[in-house]
Amino acid sequence: MDYKHYWYYPVIASEDEINNVITEIKKIEKILNLTMKYKNSDGIVNIEQIYFDKIDDEDIFNDPFMMNFTKNDQCKYCKTNRNPKFDMMVSLILLSMVNNIKEFYFSSDGDNEDWIKAIKIYKELIGNLDKAYGKFVFNTLQNISVLFTKKN
């Protein structure tokens, strides 16, 4: 069964916010020894966009991950649950974006155990998710939202 991750991006992020995401993505790629690909070339990760449809040349049989930082009011999605490397990279990128971009929100109908694993990896490789707290993040079970509730 496919999972869908949906995101809403109402405003254009600042250059600093985008650069923080890019830095984290490149760090994750390097540490996990993964290579994002798009149409049989290197994945596109720059100040304007993030596009990839494969990890390490493995077919994913999913939608490509496509994020355009130059357009506001985006409401997009990406299907996953066909390739564990691709799925994890999508999850880690969404965590990076929700943590670094003030006006970025996402939801997922994926399993909580997948998200708990991604959150653990993000915290080990990058650091805390303090800026993500209080954002509306959920799945169909409404369980993952507890991971992002406002700290007391």
Protein backbone atom coordinates (compact mmCIF):
# COMPACT_ATOMS: atom_id res chain seq x y z
CA MET A 1 0.00 0.00 0.00
CA ASP A 2 1.31 3.44 -0.87
CA TYR A 3 1.56 6.24 1.65
CA LYS A 4 1.13 9.84 0.70
CA HIS A 5 2.89 12.74 2.31
CA TYR A 6 1.22 16.08 1.73
CA TRP A 7 2.72 19.49 2.29
CA TYR A 8 1.49 23.02 2.33
CA TYR A 9 3.84 25.89 1.70
CA PRO A 10 1.92 29.20 1.72
CA VAL A 11 4.84 31.64 1.40
CA ILE A 12 8.26 31.69 -0.20
CA ALA A 13 10.92 30.78 2.35
CA SER A 14 13.88 32.99 3.07
CA GLU A 15 17.22 32.20 1.50
CA ASP A 16 18.59 31.31 4.96
CA GLU A 17 15.74 28.85 5.58
CA ILE A 18 16.30 27.16 2.22
CA ASN A 19 20.07 27.04 2.68
CA ASN A 20 19.59 25.36 6.07
CA VAL A 21 17.47 22.67 4.40
CA ILE A 22 20.03 22.21 1.59
CA THR A 23 22.88 21.89 4.09
CA GLU A 24 20.97 19.26 6.06
CA ILE A 25 20.01 17.28 2.95
CA LYS A 26 23.62 17.16 1.76
CA LYS A 27 24.78 16.11 5.23
CA ILE A 28 22.16 13.34 5.37
CA GLU A 29 23.13 12.11 1.89
CA LYS A 30 26.79 11.99 2.86
CA ILE A 31 26.38 10.33 6.26
CA LEU A 32 23.88 7.74 5.01
CA ASN A 33 25.95 7.25 1.85
CA LEU A 34 22.95 7.80 -0.41
CA THR A 35 22.82 9.52 -3.78
CA MET A 36 19.66 11.26 -4.92
CA LYS A 37 19.02 11.00 -8.67
CA TYR A 38 16.61 12.73 -11.02
CA LYS A 39 16.06 11.40 -14.54
CA ASN A 40 19.32 9.40 -14.42
CA SER A 41 21.40 12.42 -13.38
CA ASP A 42 22.25 13.89 -10.01
CA GLY A 43 19.26 14.93 -7.95
CA ILE A 44 18.45 18.62 -8.00
CA VAL A 45 19.03 20.31 -4.66
CA ASN A 46 19.50 24.04 -4.89
CA ILE A 47 18.09 27.38 -3.76
CA GLU A 48 15.19 27.05 -6.22
CA GLN A 49 14.15 23.40 -5.99
CA ILE A 50 14.54 19.85 -4.75
CA TYR A 51 13.77 17.14 -7.29
CA PHE A 52 14.63 13.46 -7.12
CA ASP A 53 13.07 10.26 -8.32
CA LYS A 54 15.66 7.64 -7.32
CA ILE A 55 18.12 6.85 -4.60
CA ASP A 56 21.32 5.10 -5.69
CA ASP A 57 19.84 4.26 -9.12
CA GLU A 58 17.16 2.07 -7.57
CA ASP A 59 13.72 2.26 -9.15
CA ILE A 60 11.22 3.60 -6.66
CA PHE A 61 7.93 3.01 -8.47
CA ASN A 62 6.61 6.14 -6.76
CA ASP A 63 6.03 9.76 -7.57
CA PRO A 64 9.19 11.83 -7.71
CA PHE A 65 9.77 14.22 -4.85
CA MET A 66 9.38 17.73 -6.29
CA MET A 67 9.59 20.93 -4.30
CA ASN A 68 9.89 24.34 -5.94
CA PHE A 69 11.02 27.07 -3.55
CA THR A 70 10.20 29.87 -5.99
CA LYS A 71 6.43 29.35 -5.89
CA ASN A 72 4.25 30.17 -2.93
CA ASP A 73 0.92 28.68 -1.97
CA GLN A 74 2.01 25.18 -2.91
CA CYS A 75 -0.01 22.20 -1.86
CA LYS A 76 1.76 19.07 -3.08
CA TYR A 77 2.21 15.42 -2.26
CA CYS A 78 4.52 12.46 -2.83
CA LYS A 79 3.72 8.75 -2.70
CA THR A 80 6.09 6.44 -0.88
CA ASN A 81 6.28 2.93 0.65
CA ARG A 82 7.93 1.19 -2.28
CA ASN A 83 11.64 1.78 -1.65
CA PRO A 84 12.95 2.16 1.93
CA LYS A 85 15.85 4.46 0.98
CA PHE A 86 13.61 6.79 -1.01
CA ASP A 87 10.95 6.75 1.69
CA MET A 88 13.47 7.62 4.40
CA MET A 89 14.98 10.46 2.36
CA VAL A 90 11.52 11.94 1.72
CA SER A 91 10.72 11.74 5.43
CA LEU A 92 14.04 13.31 6.43
CA ILE A 93 13.61 16.14 3.92
CA LEU A 94 10.10 16.85 5.18
CA LEU A 95 11.42 16.91 8.75
CA SER A 96 14.18 19.30 7.71
CA MET A 97 11.71 21.57 5.96
CA VAL A 98 9.20 21.63 8.82
CA ASN A 99 12.05 22.35 11.24
CA ASN A 100 13.74 25.08 9.17
CA ILE A 101 11.00 26.80 7.19
CA LYS A 102 8.67 28.81 9.37
CA GLU A 103 5.64 28.51 7.10
CA PHE A 104 5.99 24.89 6.00
CA TYR A 105 3.54 22.21 7.12
CA PHE A 106 3.08 18.58 6.18
CA SER A 107 0.90 15.60 6.89
CA SER A 108 1.29 11.92 6.22
CA ASP A 109 -0.85 8.85 6.08
CA GLY A 110 2.22 6.68 6.72
CA ASP A 111 2.78 4.49 9.76
CA ASN A 112 3.94 5.99 13.03
CA GLU A 113 6.81 3.52 13.31
CA ASP A 114 8.24 4.81 10.03
CA TRP A 115 8.05 8.39 11.29
CA ILE A 116 9.52 7.50 14.66
CA LYS A 117 12.50 5.94 12.85
CA ALA A 118 12.93 9.03 10.63
CA ILE A 119 12.71 11.35 13.62
CA LYS A 120 15.32 9.29 15.46
CA ILE A 121 17.70 9.41 12.47
CA TYR A 122 17.13 13.15 12.01
CA LYS A 123 17.90 13.83 15.68
CA GLU A 124 21.04 11.65 15.54
CA LEU A 125 22.39 13.17 12.30
CA ILE A 126 21.17 16.76 12.44
CA GLY A 127 19.92 17.68 15.89
CA ASN A 128 16.72 18.61 17.64
CA LEU A 129 13.38 19.35 16.04
CA ASP A 130 12.50 22.22 18.37
CA LYS A 131 11.35 24.53 15.58
CA ALA A 132 8.88 21.88 14.36
CA TYR A 133 6.94 21.79 17.62
CA GLY A 134 3.46 23.22 17.48
CA LYS A 135 3.04 22.68 13.74
CA PHE A 136 0.06 20.71 12.53
CA VAL A 137 1.47 17.34 11.56
CA PHE A 138 -0.71 14.26 11.48
CA ASN A 139 -1.47 10.96 9.88
CA THR A 140 -4.75 9.14 9.38
CA LEU A 141 -4.41 7.65 12.86
CA GLN A 142 -3.79 11.13 14.30
CA ASN A 143 -0.93 9.66 16.36
CA ILE A 144 2.11 11.39 14.94
CA SER A 145 0.77 14.77 16.01
CA VAL A 146 1.82 13.95 19.57
CA LEU A 147 5.44 14.09 18.39
CA PHE A 148 4.98 17.69 17.33
CA THR A 149 2.83 19.15 20.04
CA LYS A 150 3.98 22.31 21.75
CA LYS A 151 6.47 21.71 24.53
CA ASN A 152 5.51 22.94 27.99
